[in-house]
Each structure stands twice: as structure tokens, then as C-alpha cells.
Amino acid sequence: MAAIGSIVTVPWHTDGKRWVVSEYVGSPRGEPKYARIIRVRSGGGTTGHLCYNGGLTVVETPTFTLGERVKIDGRAGEIIALGDEIRIRLDPFSLTLRGDGAIRYEGNETSVPAWRVVLENRL
């Protein structure tokens, strides 16, 4: 069974597109029967499906390291903690104000699920 964050292919998509497993949905007996898979569309945005996990073929299970540079929502940062949620210290950036001046944001941190980091940095 593919782990959450694994890159997979599915047999009914013959275009070879790769997907990321974002979560499992349990059956009435409790075992994960269905996987929610997501990928980035060619025109932007994401698309997803809920599918039987037995039909997934694992291509890769990415790993990340502390200090690795990644992007989230188009903003660059550095991984500072690993786990089910990955903690990222975002690079400083400036936001121009209407009229005059700017605000500089520094030291912002965010936690995101590992599958989102895979989606934006490995596909």
C-alpha cells in the first residue's frame, strides 16, 4: 500500500501522469480502502480522485531532509522540522503597499502536510 505522500500512477490514466496520495478513507471495517490522489493540472490548479488503493502503482516515496530548500504556494523556504506535517521557515519577502512604502515579512513559519510538499516540489 502506498504511503501518504507517495507518488503513484493509476491504471485507468494511460497518459502516464503521476499523482500524490493525500489521504486514506477507511471502509466500514476500519482498514483504508480508498485513497485520495491529487495532481497539478496543466493549466494550473489541482485535480483529484478517490480510488481503490489496490489499483495504485507506487513510483516513488519521496523523503525530505532538514535544511532542504522547497516551495509552498510559490514561496521559497527551508525545512526546519519533519513529520506528518513538515515545518518550513519561509524566506523574507516584501509586500508593496498601495500608495507608498512596503512591509517586509521575516521569520514566517508554516506547517503543511508532507503530501503538499511532494505535490509542489517533486511532481
PDB file of N, CA and C in Angstrom:
ATOM      1  N   MET A   1       0.841  -1.172   0.000  1.00  0.00           N
ATOM      2  CA  MET A   1       0.000   0.000   0.000  1.00  0.00           C
ATOM      3  C   MET A   1       0.893   1.245   0.000  1.00  0.00           C
ATOM      4  N   ALA A   2       0.527   2.207  -0.809  1.00  0.00           N
ATOM      5  CA  ALA A   2       1.293   3.449  -0.914  1.00  0.00           C
ATOM      6  C   ALA A   2       1.118   4.284   0.353  1.00  0.00           C
ATOM      7  N   ALA A   3       2.195   4.886   0.810  1.00  0.00           N
ATOM      8  CA  ALA A   3       2.137   5.756   1.980  1.00  0.00           C
ATOM      9  C   ALA A   3       1.596   7.126   1.566  1.00  0.00           C
ATOM     10  N   ILE A   4       1.060   7.855   2.534  1.00  0.00           N
ATOM     11  CA  ILE A   4       0.631   9.219   2.251  1.00  0.00           C
ATOM     12  C   ILE A   4       1.869  10.007   1.852  1.00  0.00           C
ATOM     13  N   GLY A   5       1.766  10.737   0.744  1.00  0.00           N
ATOM     14  CA  GLY A   5       2.904  11.478   0.200  1.00  0.00           C
ATOM     15  C   GLY A   5       3.626  10.733  -0.901  1.00  0.00           C
ATOM     16  N   SER A   6       3.248   9.466  -1.143  1.00  0.00           N
ATOM     17  CA  SER A   6       3.879   8.692  -2.220  1.00  0.00           C
ATOM     18  C   SER A   6       3.408   9.192  -3.583  1.00  0.00           C
ATOM     19  N   ILE A   7       4.278   9.086  -4.561  1.00  0.00           N
ATOM     20  CA  ILE A   7       3.933   9.401  -5.946  1.00  0.00           C
ATOM     21  C   ILE A   7       3.495   8.097  -6.596  1.00  0.00           C
ATOM     22  N   VAL A   8       2.322   8.121  -7.222  1.00  0.00           N
ATOM     23  CA  VAL A   8       1.737   6.908  -7.791  1.00  0.00           C
ATOM     24  C   VAL A   8       1.239   7.163  -9.214  1.00  0.00           C
ATOM     25  N   THR A   9       0.998   6.053  -9.918  1.00  0.00           N
ATOM     26  CA  THR A   9       0.270   6.099 -11.180  1.00  0.00           C
ATOM     27  C   THR A   9      -0.963   5.229 -11.007  1.00  0.00           C
ATOM     28  N   VAL A  10      -1.940   5.441 -11.887  1.00  0.00           N
ATOM     29  CA  VAL A  10      -3.177   4.668 -11.831  1.00  0.00           C
ATOM     30  C   VAL A  10      -3.428   4.044 -13.198  1.00  0.00           C
ATOM     31  N   PRO A  11      -3.995   2.826 -13.232  1.00  0.00           N
ATOM     32  CA  PRO A  11      -4.126   2.107 -14.499  1.00  0.00           C
ATOM     33  C   PRO A  11      -5.112   2.736 -15.486  1.00  0.00           C
ATOM     34  N   TRP A  12      -6.101   3.463 -15.010  1.00  0.00           N
ATOM     35  CA  TRP A  12      -7.096   3.997 -15.932  1.00  0.00           C
ATOM     36  C   TRP A  12      -6.662   5.296 -16.605  1.00  0.00           C
ATOM     37  N   HIS A  13      -5.533   5.873 -16.179  1.00  0.00           N
ATOM     38  CA  HIS A  13      -4.974   7.045 -16.859  1.00  0.00           C
ATOM     39  C   HIS A  13      -3.774   6.579 -17.668  1.00  0.00           C
ATOM     40  N   THR A  14      -3.954   6.438 -18.953  1.00  0.00           N
ATOM     41  CA  THR A  14      -2.876   5.918 -19.800  1.00  0.00           C
ATOM     42  C   THR A  14      -1.918   7.008 -20.243  1.00  0.00           C
ATOM     43  N   ASP A  15      -2.132   8.243 -19.799  1.00  0.00           N
ATOM     44  CA  ASP A  15      -1.248   9.344 -20.182  1.00  0.00           C
ATOM     45  C   ASP A  15       0.045   9.366 -19.375  1.00  0.00           C
ATOM     46  N   GLY A  16       0.179   8.480 -18.377  1.00  0.00           N
ATOM     47  CA  GLY A  16       1.400   8.398 -17.585  1.00  0.00           C
ATOM     48  C   GLY A  16       1.536   9.469 -16.522  1.00  0.00           C
ATOM     49  N   LYS A  17       0.494  10.261 -16.302  1.00  0.00           N
ATOM     50  CA  LYS A  17       0.570  11.320 -15.291  1.00  0.00           C
ATOM     51  C   LYS A  17       0.748  10.708 -13.907  1.00  0.00           C
ATOM     52  N   ARG A  18       1.499  11.433 -13.094  1.00  0.00           N
ATOM     53  CA  ARG A  18       1.764  10.962 -11.739  1.00  0.00           C
ATOM     54  C   ARG A  18       0.885  11.725 -10.750  1.00  0.00           C
ATOM     55  N   TRP A  19       0.529  11.055  -9.679  1.00  0.00           N
ATOM     56  CA  TRP A  19      -0.360  11.593  -8.660  1.00  0.00           C
ATOM     57  C   TRP A  19       0.307  11.478  -7.299  1.00  0.00           C
ATOM     58  N   VAL A  20      -0.183  12.231  -6.308  1.00  0.00           N
ATOM     59  CA  VAL A  20       0.300  12.144  -4.926  1.00  0.00           C
ATOM     60  C   VAL A  20      -0.853  11.652  -4.054  1.00  0.00           C
ATOM     61  N   VAL A  21      -0.564  10.685  -3.185  1.00  0.00           N
ATOM     62  CA  VAL A  21      -1.568  10.196  -2.228  1.00  0.00           C
ATOM     63  C   VAL A  21      -1.664  11.222  -1.096  1.00  0.00           C
ATOM     64  N   SER A  22      -2.870  11.797  -0.909  1.00  0.00           N
ATOM     65  CA  SER A  22      -3.017  12.823   0.127  1.00  0.00           C
ATOM     66  C   SER A  22      -3.682  12.296   1.398  1.00  0.00           C
ATOM     67  N   GLU A  23      -4.496  11.239   1.276  1.00  0.00           N
ATOM     68  CA  GLU A  23      -5.111  10.674   2.479  1.00  0.00           C
ATOM     69  C   GLU A  23      -5.754   9.336   2.138  1.00  0.00           C
ATOM     70  N   TYR A  24      -6.080   8.590   3.180  1.00  0.00           N
ATOM     71  CA  TYR A  24      -6.814   7.341   3.021  1.00  0.00           C
ATOM     72  C   TYR A  24      -8.175   7.480   3.687  1.00  0.00           C
ATOM     73  N   VAL A  25      -9.172   6.883   3.074  1.00  0.00           N
ATOM     74  CA  VAL A  25     -10.524   6.884   3.612  1.00  0.00           C
ATOM     75  C   VAL A  25     -10.849   5.450   3.987  1.00  0.00           C
ATOM     76  N   GLY A  26     -11.248   5.227   5.238  1.00  0.00           N
ATOM     77  CA  GLY A  26     -11.490   3.877   5.733  1.00  0.00           C
ATOM     78  C   GLY A  26     -12.784   3.269   5.246  1.00  0.00           C
ATOM     79  N   SER A  27     -12.813   1.977   5.269  1.00  0.00           N
ATOM     80  CA  SER A  27     -14.023   1.229   4.948  1.00  0.00           C
ATOM     81  C   SER A  27     -14.820   1.071   6.244  1.00  0.00           C
ATOM     82  N   PRO A  28     -16.025   0.506   6.183  1.00  0.00           N
ATOM     83  CA  PRO A  28     -16.783   0.276   7.417  1.00  0.00           C
ATOM     84  C   PRO A  28     -16.039  -0.599   8.425  1.00  0.00           C
ATOM     85  N   ARG A  29     -15.129  -1.439   7.956  1.00  0.00           N
ATOM     86  CA  ARG A  29     -14.350  -2.296   8.871  1.00  0.00           C
ATOM     87  C   ARG A  29     -13.147  -1.567   9.462  1.00  0.00           C
ATOM     88  N   GLY A  30     -12.856  -0.381   8.949  1.00  0.00           N
ATOM     89  CA  GLY A  30     -11.778   0.409   9.516  1.00  0.00           C
ATOM     90  C   GLY A  30     -10.494   0.429   8.718  1.00  0.00           C
ATOM     91  N   GLU A  31     -10.253  -0.555   7.853  1.00  0.00           N
ATOM     92  CA  GLU A  31      -8.999  -0.535   7.096  1.00  0.00           C
ATOM     93  C   GLU A  31      -9.122   0.472   5.947  1.00  0.00           C
ATOM     94  N   PRO A  32      -8.008   1.102   5.586  1.00  0.00           N
ATOM     95  CA  PRO A  32      -8.074   2.086   4.499  1.00  0.00           C
ATOM     96  C   PRO A  32      -8.337   1.381   3.162  1.00  0.00           C
ATOM     97  N   LYS A  33      -9.450   1.670   2.581  1.00  0.00           N
ATOM     98  CA  LYS A  33      -9.835   1.018   1.344  1.00  0.00           C
ATOM     99  C   LYS A  33      -9.650   1.935   0.135  1.00  0.00           C
ATOM    100  N   TYR A  34      -9.844   3.213   0.360  1.00  0.00           N
ATOM    101  CA  TYR A  34      -9.760   4.169  -0.739  1.00  0.00           C
ATOM    102  C   TYR A  34      -8.687   5.216  -0.458  1.00  0.00           C
ATOM    103  N   ALA A  35      -8.039   5.659  -1.528  1.00  0.00           N
ATOM    104  CA  ALA A  35      -7.012   6.693  -1.414  1.00  0.00           C
ATOM    105  C   ALA A  35      -7.472   7.929  -2.182  1.00  0.00           C
ATOM    106  N   ARG A  36      -7.237   9.095  -1.595  1.00  0.00           N
ATOM    107  CA  ARG A  36      -7.475  10.340  -2.314  1.00  0.00           C
ATOM    108  C   ARG A  36      -6.151  10.711  -2.976  1.00  0.00           C
ATOM    109  N   ILE A  37      -6.175  10.843  -4.304  1.00  0.00           N
ATOM    110  CA  ILE A  37      -4.962  11.186  -5.046  1.00  0.00           C
ATOM    111  C   ILE A  37      -5.157  12.547  -5.714  1.00  0.00           C
ATOM    112  N   ILE A  38      -4.075  13.304  -5.800  1.00  0.00           N
ATOM    113  CA  ILE A  38      -4.124  14.681  -6.304  1.00  0.00           C
ATOM    114  C   ILE A  38      -2.951  14.903  -7.239  1.00  0.00           C
ATOM    115  N   ARG A  39      -3.164  15.745  -8.257  1.00  0.00           N
ATOM    116  CA  ARG A  39      -2.066  16.183  -9.117  1.00  0.00           C
ATOM    117  C   ARG A  39      -2.348  17.594  -9.575  1.00  0.00           C
ATOM    118  N   VAL A  40      -1.324  18.246 -10.100  1.00  0.00           N
ATOM    119  CA  VAL A  40      -1.448  19.603 -10.626  1.00  0.00           C
ATOM    120  C   VAL A  40      -1.922  19.510 -12.068  1.00  0.00           C
ATOM    121  N   ARG A  41      -2.919  20.296 -12.412  1.00  0.00           N
ATOM    122  CA  ARG A  41      -3.397  20.350 -13.796  1.00  0.00           C
ATOM    123  C   ARG A  41      -2.406  21.102 -14.660  1.00  0.00           C
ATOM    124  N   SER A  42      -2.439  20.838 -15.954  1.00  0.00           N
ATOM    125  CA  SER A  42      -1.527  21.523 -16.876  1.00  0.00           C
ATOM    126  C   SER A  42      -1.808  23.021 -16.930  1.00  0.00           C
ATOM    127  N   GLY A  43      -3.056  23.433 -16.724  1.00  0.00           N
ATOM    128  CA  GLY A  43      -3.397  24.857 -16.765  1.00  0.00           C
ATOM    129  C   GLY A  43      -3.343  25.534 -15.402  1.00  0.00           C
ATOM    130  N   GLY A  44      -2.866  24.835 -14.387  1.00  0.00           N
ATOM    131  CA  GLY A  44      -2.826  25.369 -13.026  1.00  0.00           C
ATOM    132  C   GLY A  44      -3.948  24.788 -12.187  1.00  0.00           C
ATOM    133  N   GLY A  45      -3.861  24.939 -10.908  1.00  0.00           N
ATOM    134  CA  GLY A  45      -4.848  24.346 -10.008  1.00  0.00           C
ATOM    135  C   GLY A  45      -4.570  22.867  -9.818  1.00  0.00           C
ATOM    136  N   THR A  46      -5.428  22.221  -9.065  1.00  0.00           N
ATOM    137  CA  THR A  46      -5.252  20.791  -8.811  1.00  0.00           C
ATOM    138  C   THR A  46      -6.520  20.033  -9.178  1.00  0.00           C
ATOM    139  N   THR A  47      -6.361  18.757  -9.365  1.00  0.00           N
ATOM    140  CA  THR A  47      -7.484  17.862  -9.589  1.00  0.00           C
ATOM    141  C   THR A  47      -7.254  16.620  -8.753  1.00  0.00           C
ATOM    142  N   GLY A  48      -8.311  15.949  -8.358  1.00  0.00           N
ATOM    143  CA  GLY A  48      -8.145  14.779  -7.520  1.00  0.00           C
ATOM    144  C   GLY A  48      -9.216  13.734  -7.750  1.00  0.00           C
ATOM    145  N   HIS A  49      -8.950  12.543  -7.254  1.00  0.00           N
ATOM    146  CA  HIS A  49      -9.874  11.416  -7.349  1.00  0.00           C
ATOM    147  C   HIS A  49      -9.822  10.627  -6.057  1.00  0.00           C
ATOM    148  N   LEU A  50     -10.900   9.926  -5.783  1.00  0.00           N
ATOM    149  CA  LEU A  50     -10.939   8.952  -4.709  1.00  0.00           C
ATOM    150  C   LEU A  50     -10.967   7.596  -5.391  1.00  0.00           C
ATOM    151  N   CYS A  51      -9.979   6.748  -5.124  1.00  0.00           N
ATOM    152  CA  CYS A  51      -9.891   5.486  -5.858  1.00  0.00           C
ATOM    153  C   CYS A  51      -9.491   4.344  -4.923  1.00  0.00           C
ATOM    154  N   TYR A  52      -9.729   3.127  -5.368  1.00  0.00           N
ATOM    155  CA  TYR A  52      -9.368   1.929  -4.617  1.00  0.00           C
ATOM    156  C   TYR A  52      -7.848   1.854  -4.514  1.00  0.00           C
ATOM    157  N   ASN A  53      -7.329   1.683  -3.299  1.00  0.00           N
ATOM    158  CA  ASN A  53      -5.873   1.728  -3.128  1.00  0.00           C
ATOM    159  C   ASN A  53      -5.148   0.539  -3.738  1.00  0.00           C
ATOM    160  N   GLY A  54      -5.853  -0.549  -4.028  1.00  0.00           N
ATOM    161  CA  GLY A  54      -5.215  -1.703  -4.656  1.00  0.00           C
ATOM    162  C   GLY A  54      -4.813  -1.451  -6.095  1.00  0.00           C
ATOM    163  N   GLY A  55      -5.362  -0.427  -6.726  1.00  0.00           N
ATOM    164  CA  GLY A  55      -5.046  -0.139  -8.111  1.00  0.00           C
ATOM    165  C   GLY A  55      -3.901   0.832  -8.298  1.00  0.00           C
ATOM    166  N   LEU A  56      -3.286   1.281  -7.218  1.00  0.00           N
ATOM    167  CA  LEU A  56      -2.201   2.259  -7.318  1.00  0.00           C
ATOM    168  C   LEU A  56      -0.856   1.576  -7.517  1.00  0.00           C
ATOM    169  N   THR A  57      -0.030   2.144  -8.374  1.00  0.00           N
ATOM    170  CA  THR A  57       1.337   1.668  -8.561  1.00  0.00           C
ATOM    171  C   THR A  57       2.283   2.732  -8.018  1.00  0.00           C
ATOM    172  N   VAL A  58       3.064   2.392  -7.013  1.00  0.00           N
ATOM    173  CA  VAL A  58       3.988   3.352  -6.405  1.00  0.00           C
ATOM    174  C   VAL A  58       5.173   3.588  -7.337  1.00  0.00           C
ATOM    175  N   VAL A  59       5.421   4.852  -7.653  1.00  0.00           N
ATOM    176  CA  VAL A  59       6.558   5.243  -8.472  1.00  0.00           C
ATOM    177  C   VAL A  59       7.729   5.630  -7.570  1.00  0.00           C
ATOM    178  N   GLU A  60       7.412   6.373  -6.509  1.00  0.00           N
ATOM    179  CA  GLU A  60       8.456   6.877  -5.610  1.00  0.00           C
ATOM    180  C   GLU A  60       7.810   7.286  -4.287  1.00  0.00           C
ATOM    181  N   THR A  61       8.546   7.137  -3.203  1.00  0.00           N
ATOM    182  CA  THR A  61       8.132   7.676  -1.912  1.00  0.00           C
ATOM    183  C   THR A  61       9.196   8.690  -1.501  1.00  0.00           C
ATOM    184  N   PRO A  62       8.960   9.959  -1.839  1.00  0.00           N
ATOM    185  CA  PRO A  62       9.974  10.987  -1.593  1.00  0.00           C
ATOM    186  C   PRO A  62      10.274  11.184  -0.109  1.00  0.00           C
ATOM    187  N   THR A  63      11.500  11.538   0.164  1.00  0.00           N
ATOM    188  CA  THR A  63      11.903  11.911   1.516  1.00  0.00           C
ATOM    189  C   THR A  63      12.505  13.298   1.454  1.00  0.00           C
ATOM    190  N   PHE A  64      12.425  13.994   2.553  1.00  0.00           N
ATOM    191  CA  PHE A  64      12.981  15.341   2.650  1.00  0.00           C
ATOM    192  C   PHE A  64      13.962  15.367   3.806  1.00  0.00           C
ATOM    193  N   THR A  65      14.865  16.351   3.805  1.00  0.00           N
ATOM    194  CA  THR A  65      15.858  16.475   4.861  1.00  0.00           C
ATOM    195  C   THR A  65      15.787  17.863   5.474  1.00  0.00           C
ATOM    196  N   LEU A  66      16.223  17.949   6.717  1.00  0.00           N
ATOM    197  CA  LEU A  66      16.300  19.254   7.371  1.00  0.00           C
ATOM    198  C   LEU A  66      17.234  20.158   6.578  1.00  0.00           C
ATOM    199  N   GLY A  67      16.846  21.391   6.402  1.00  0.00           N
ATOM    200  CA  GLY A  67      17.662  22.349   5.660  1.00  0.00           C
ATOM    201  C   GLY A  67      17.402  22.356   4.165  1.00  0.00           C
ATOM    202  N   GLU A  68      16.628  21.404   3.666  1.00  0.00           N
ATOM    203  CA  GLU A  68      16.337  21.340   2.230  1.00  0.00           C
ATOM    204  C   GLU A  68      15.466  22.534   1.823  1.00  0.00           C
ATOM    205  N   ARG A  69      15.780  23.095   0.656  1.00  0.00           N
ATOM    206  CA  ARG A  69      15.027  24.233   0.125  1.00  0.00           C
ATOM    207  C   ARG A  69      13.819  23.714  -0.660  1.00  0.00           C
ATOM    208  N   VAL A  70      12.636  24.247  -0.353  1.00  0.00           N
ATOM    209  CA  VAL A  70      11.401  23.856  -1.028  1.00  0.00           C
ATOM    210  C   VAL A  70      10.546  25.102  -1.271  1.00  0.00           C
ATOM    211  N   LYS A  71       9.464  24.917  -2.040  1.00  0.00           N
ATOM    212  CA  LYS A  71       8.493  25.992  -2.252  1.00  0.00           C
ATOM    213  C   LYS A  71       7.123  25.517  -1.789  1.00  0.00           C
ATOM    214  N   ILE A  72       6.379  26.432  -1.194  1.00  0.00           N
ATOM    215  CA  ILE A  72       4.992  26.206  -0.814  1.00  0.00           C
ATOM    216  C   ILE A  72       4.208  27.438  -1.233  1.00  0.00           C
ATOM    217  N   ASP A  73       3.144  27.222  -1.978  1.00  0.00           N
ATOM    218  CA  ASP A  73       2.332  28.321  -2.503  1.00  0.00           C
ATOM    219  C   ASP A  73       3.188  29.356  -3.229  1.00  0.00           C
ATOM    220  N   GLY A  74       4.216  28.880  -3.919  1.00  0.00           N
ATOM    221  CA  GLY A  74       5.080  29.764  -4.699  1.00  0.00           C
ATOM    222  C   GLY A  74       6.124  30.509  -3.890  1.00  0.00           C
ATOM    223  N   ARG A  75       6.167  30.295  -2.583  1.00  0.00           N
ATOM    224  CA  ARG A  75       7.159  30.974  -1.738  1.00  0.00           C
ATOM    225  C   ARG A  75       8.225  29.989  -1.308  1.00  0.00           C
ATOM    226  N   ALA A  76       9.474  30.410  -1.413  1.00  0.00           N
ATOM    227  CA  ALA A  76      10.605  29.549  -1.072  1.00  0.00           C
ATOM    228  C   ALA A  76      10.846  29.555   0.430  1.00  0.00           C
ATOM    229  N   GLY A  77      11.417  28.444   0.911  1.00  0.00           N
ATOM    230  CA  GLY A  77      11.747  28.347   2.311  1.00  0.00           C
ATOM    231  C   GLY A  77      12.638  27.148   2.572  1.00  0.00           C
ATOM    232  N   GLU A  78      12.914  26.935   3.852  1.00  0.00           N
ATOM    233  CA  GLU A  78      13.814  25.864   4.289  1.00  0.00           C
ATOM    234  C   GLU A  78      13.108  24.990   5.301  1.00  0.00           C
ATOM    235  N   ILE A  79      13.245  23.680   5.143  1.00  0.00           N
ATOM    236  CA  ILE A  79      12.614  22.741   6.066  1.00  0.00           C
ATOM    237  C   ILE A  79      13.334  22.784   7.410  1.00  0.00           C
ATOM    238  N   ILE A  80      12.544  22.973   8.484  1.00  0.00           N
ATOM    239  CA  ILE A  80      13.145  23.043   9.823  1.00  0.00           C
ATOM    240  C   ILE A  80      12.654  21.924  10.742  1.00  0.00           C
ATOM    241  N   ALA A  81      11.606  21.194  10.355  1.00  0.00           N
ATOM    242  CA  ALA A  81      11.124  20.061  11.151  1.00  0.00           C
ATOM    243  C   ALA A  81      10.373  19.093  10.242  1.00  0.00           C
ATOM    244  N   LEU A  82      10.558  17.795  10.506  1.00  0.00           N
ATOM    245  CA  LEU A  82       9.918  16.756   9.695  1.00  0.00           C
ATOM    246  C   LEU A  82       8.908  15.981  10.520  1.00  0.00           C
ATOM    247  N   GLY A  83       7.968  15.345   9.852  1.00  0.00           N
ATOM    248  CA  GLY A  83       6.935  14.528  10.487  1.00  0.00           C
ATOM    249  C   GLY A  83       5.771  14.410   9.522  1.00  0.00           C
ATOM    250  N   ASP A  84       4.593  14.089  10.055  1.00  0.00           N
ATOM    251  CA  ASP A  84       3.399  14.075   9.202  1.00  0.00           C
ATOM    252  C   ASP A  84       3.161  15.464   8.624  1.00  0.00           C
ATOM    253  N   GLU A  85       3.442  16.473   9.427  1.00  0.00           N
ATOM    254  CA  GLU A  85       3.425  17.868   8.978  1.00  0.00           C
ATOM    255  C   GLU A  85       4.885  18.302   8.861  1.00  0.00           C
ATOM    256  N   ILE A  86       5.200  18.992   7.784  1.00  0.00           N
ATOM    257  CA  ILE A  86       6.565  19.499   7.591  1.00  0.00           C
ATOM    258  C   ILE A  86       6.558  20.987   7.917  1.00  0.00           C
ATOM    259  N   ARG A  87       7.472  21.398   8.789  1.00  0.00           N
ATOM    260  CA  ARG A  87       7.568  22.811   9.189  1.00  0.00           C
ATOM    261  C   ARG A  87       8.609  23.495   8.312  1.00  0.00           C
ATOM    262  N   ILE A  88       8.214  24.641   7.742  1.00  0.00           N
ATOM    263  CA  ILE A  88       9.068  25.366   6.799  1.00  0.00           C
ATOM    264  C   ILE A  88       9.224  26.811   7.266  1.00  0.00           C
ATOM    265  N   ARG A  89      10.472  27.288   7.317  1.00  0.00           N
ATOM    266  CA  ARG A  89      10.746  28.701   7.581  1.00  0.00           C
ATOM    267  C   ARG A  89      10.823  29.387   6.219  1.00  0.00           C
ATOM    268  N   LEU A  90       9.866  30.262   5.978  1.00  0.00           N
ATOM    269  CA  LEU A  90       9.789  30.931   4.683  1.00  0.00           C
ATOM    270  C   LEU A  90      10.807  32.053   4.591  1.00  0.00           C
ATOM    271  N   ASP A  91      11.316  32.284   3.384  1.00  0.00           N
ATOM    272  CA  ASP A  91      12.259  33.371   3.143  1.00  0.00           C
ATOM    273  C   ASP A  91      11.572  34.717   3.355  1.00  0.00           C
ATOM    274  N   PRO A  92      12.340  35.729   3.792  1.00  0.00           N
ATOM    275  CA  PRO A  92      11.761  37.063   3.935  1.00  0.00           C
ATOM    276  C   PRO A  92      11.257  37.577   2.576  1.00  0.00           C
ATOM    277  N   PHE A  93      10.204  38.369   2.625  1.00  0.00           N
ATOM    278  CA  PHE A  93       9.705  38.979   1.396  1.00  0.00           C
ATOM    279  C   PHE A  93       9.070  40.322   1.727  1.00  0.00           C
ATOM    280  N   SER A  94       8.934  41.163   0.720  1.00  0.00           N
ATOM    281  CA  SER A  94       8.329  42.483   0.887  1.00  0.00           C
ATOM    282  C   SER A  94       6.989  42.526   0.187  1.00  0.00           C
ATOM    283  N   LEU A  95       6.075  43.232   0.790  1.00  0.00           N
ATOM    284  CA  LEU A  95       4.751  43.430   0.230  1.00  0.00           C
ATOM    285  C   LEU A  95       4.571  44.922   0.019  1.00  0.00           C
ATOM    286  N   THR A  96       4.419  45.329  -1.240  1.00  0.00           N
ATOM    287  CA  THR A  96       4.261  46.745  -1.558  1.00  0.00           C
ATOM    288  C   THR A  96       2.872  47.217  -1.153  1.00  0.00           C
ATOM    289  N   LEU A  97       2.848  48.342  -0.473  1.00  0.00           N
ATOM    290  CA  LEU A  97       1.583  48.907  -0.032  1.00  0.00           C
ATOM    291  C   LEU A  97       1.003  49.819  -1.100  1.00  0.00           C
ATOM    292  N   ARG A  98      -0.316  49.900  -1.120  1.00  0.00           N
ATOM    293  CA  ARG A  98      -0.951  50.829  -2.049  1.00  0.00           C
ATOM    294  C   ARG A  98      -0.574  52.249  -1.627  1.00  0.00           C
ATOM    295  N   GLY A  99      -0.181  53.039  -2.560  1.00  0.00           N
ATOM    296  CA  GLY A  99       0.233  54.399  -2.237  1.00  0.00           C
ATOM    297  C   GLY A  99       1.750  54.485  -2.190  1.00  0.00           C
ATOM    298  N   ASP A 100       2.342  54.189  -1.020  1.00  0.00           N
ATOM    299  CA  ASP A 100       3.794  54.322  -0.894  1.00  0.00           C
ATOM    300  C   ASP A 100       4.301  53.381   0.191  1.00  0.00           C
ATOM    301  N   GLY A 101       5.505  52.886   0.008  1.00  0.00           N
ATOM    302  CA  GLY A 101       6.135  52.062   1.024  1.00  0.00           C
ATOM    303  C   GLY A 101       5.898  50.576   0.836  1.00  0.00           C
ATOM    304  N   ALA A 102       6.434  49.827   1.778  1.00  0.00           N
ATOM    305  CA  ALA A 102       6.318  48.374   1.724  1.00  0.00           C
ATOM    306  C   ALA A 102       6.451  47.815   3.134  1.00  0.00           C
ATOM    307  N   ILE A 103       5.972  46.600   3.317  1.00  0.00           N
ATOM    308  CA  ILE A 103       6.128  45.876   4.577  1.00  0.00           C
ATOM    309  C   ILE A 103       7.021  44.682   4.293  1.00  0.00           C
ATOM    310  N   ARG A 104       8.001  44.459   5.149  1.00  0.00           N
ATOM    311  CA  ARG A 104       8.894  43.311   4.993  1.00  0.00           C
ATOM    312  C   ARG A 104       8.521  42.261   6.039  1.00  0.00           C
ATOM    313  N   TYR A 105       8.229  41.053   5.567  1.00  0.00           N
ATOM    314  CA  TYR A 105       7.907  39.928   6.439  1.00  0.00           C
ATOM    315  C   TYR A 105       9.154  39.066   6.588  1.00  0.00           C
ATOM    316  N   GLU A 106       9.530  38.799   7.836  1.00  0.00           N
ATOM    317  CA  GLU A 106      10.690  37.955   8.103  1.00  0.00           C
ATOM    318  C   GLU A 106      10.341  36.934   9.171  1.00  0.00           C
ATOM    319  N   GLY A 107      10.953  35.782   9.063  1.00  0.00           N
ATOM    320  CA  GLY A 107      10.802  34.767  10.096  1.00  0.00           C
ATOM    321  C   GLY A 107       9.467  34.048  10.099  1.00  0.00           C
ATOM    322  N   ASN A 108       8.699  34.170   9.016  1.00  0.00           N
ATOM    323  CA  ASN A 108       7.434  33.445   8.956  1.00  0.00           C
ATOM    324  C   ASN A 108       7.686  31.952   8.849  1.00  0.00           C
ATOM    325  N   GLU A 109       6.902  31.176   9.587  1.00  0.00           N
ATOM    326  CA  GLU A 109       6.980  29.716   9.513  1.00  0.00           C
ATOM    327  C   GLU A 109       5.596  29.170   9.228  1.00  0.00           C
ATOM    328  N   THR A 110       5.557  28.029   8.565  1.00  0.00           N
ATOM    329  CA  THR A 110       4.289  27.384   8.269  1.00  0.00           C
ATOM    330  C   THR A 110       4.450  25.876   8.387  1.00  0.00           C
ATOM    331  N   SER A 111       3.380  25.200   8.740  1.00  0.00           N
ATOM    332  CA  SER A 111       3.344  23.731   8.761  1.00  0.00           C
ATOM    333  C   SER A 111       2.389  23.271   7.688  1.00  0.00           C
ATOM    334  N   VAL A 112       2.834  22.344   6.872  1.00  0.00           N
ATOM    335  CA  VAL A 112       1.983  21.814   5.803  1.00  0.00           C
ATOM    336  C   VAL A 112       2.108  20.298   5.783  1.00  0.00           C
ATOM    337  N   PRO A 113       1.054  19.614   5.321  1.00  0.00           N
ATOM    338  CA  PRO A 113       1.145  18.156   5.208  1.00  0.00           C
ATOM    339  C   PRO A 113       2.257  17.770   4.226  1.00  0.00           C
ATOM    340  N   ALA A 114       2.900  16.658   4.490  1.00  0.00           N
ATOM    341  CA  ALA A 114       4.009  16.207   3.633  1.00  0.00           C
ATOM    342  C   ALA A 114       3.578  16.053   2.175  1.00  0.00           C
ATOM    343  N   TRP A 115       2.333  15.622   1.929  1.00  0.00           N
ATOM    344  CA  TRP A 115       1.901  15.422   0.549  1.00  0.00           C
ATOM    345  C   TRP A 115       1.893  16.732  -0.230  1.00  0.00           C
ATOM    346  N   ARG A 116       1.631  17.871   0.447  1.00  0.00           N
ATOM    347  CA  ARG A 116       1.659  19.164  -0.262  1.00  0.00           C
ATOM    348  C   ARG A 116       3.063  19.537  -0.694  1.00  0.00           C
ATOM    349  N   VAL A 117       4.034  19.213   0.144  1.00  0.00           N
ATOM    350  CA  VAL A 117       5.432  19.496  -0.222  1.00  0.00           C
ATOM    351  C   VAL A 117       5.818  18.632  -1.422  1.00  0.00           C
ATOM    352  N   VAL A 118       5.378  17.373  -1.432  1.00  0.00           N
ATOM    353  CA  VAL A 118       5.635  16.486  -2.571  1.00  0.00           C
ATOM    354  C   VAL A 118       4.966  17.044  -3.823  1.00  0.00           C
ATOM    355  N   LEU A 119       3.700  17.439  -3.708  1.00  0.00           N
ATOM    356  CA  LEU A 119       2.936  17.943  -4.847  1.00  0.00           C
ATOM    357  C   LEU A 119       3.621  19.134  -5.498  1.00  0.00           C
ATOM    358  N   GLU A 120       4.135  20.050  -4.701  1.00  0.00           N
ATOM    359  CA  GLU A 120       4.706  21.286  -5.238  1.00  0.00           C
ATOM    360  C   GLU A 120       6.188  21.192  -5.582  1.00  0.00           C
ATOM    361  N   ASN A 121       6.881  20.150  -5.095  1.00  0.00           N
ATOM    362  CA  ASN A 121       8.329  20.102  -5.304  1.00  0.00           C
ATOM    363  C   ASN A 121       8.844  18.855  -6.006  1.00  0.00           C
ATOM    364  N   ARG A 122       8.037  17.796  -6.118  1.00  0.00           N
ATOM    365  CA  ARG A 122       8.524  16.555  -6.712  1.00  0.00           C
ATOM    366  C   ARG A 122       7.796  16.157  -7.999  1.00  0.00           C
ATOM    367  N   LEU A 123       6.606  16.687  -8.239  1.00  0.00           N
ATOM    368  CA  LEU A 123       5.886  16.324  -9.466  1.00  0.00           C
ATOM    369  C   LEU A 123       6.285  17.237 -10.599  1.00  0.00           C
TER     370      LEU A 123
END
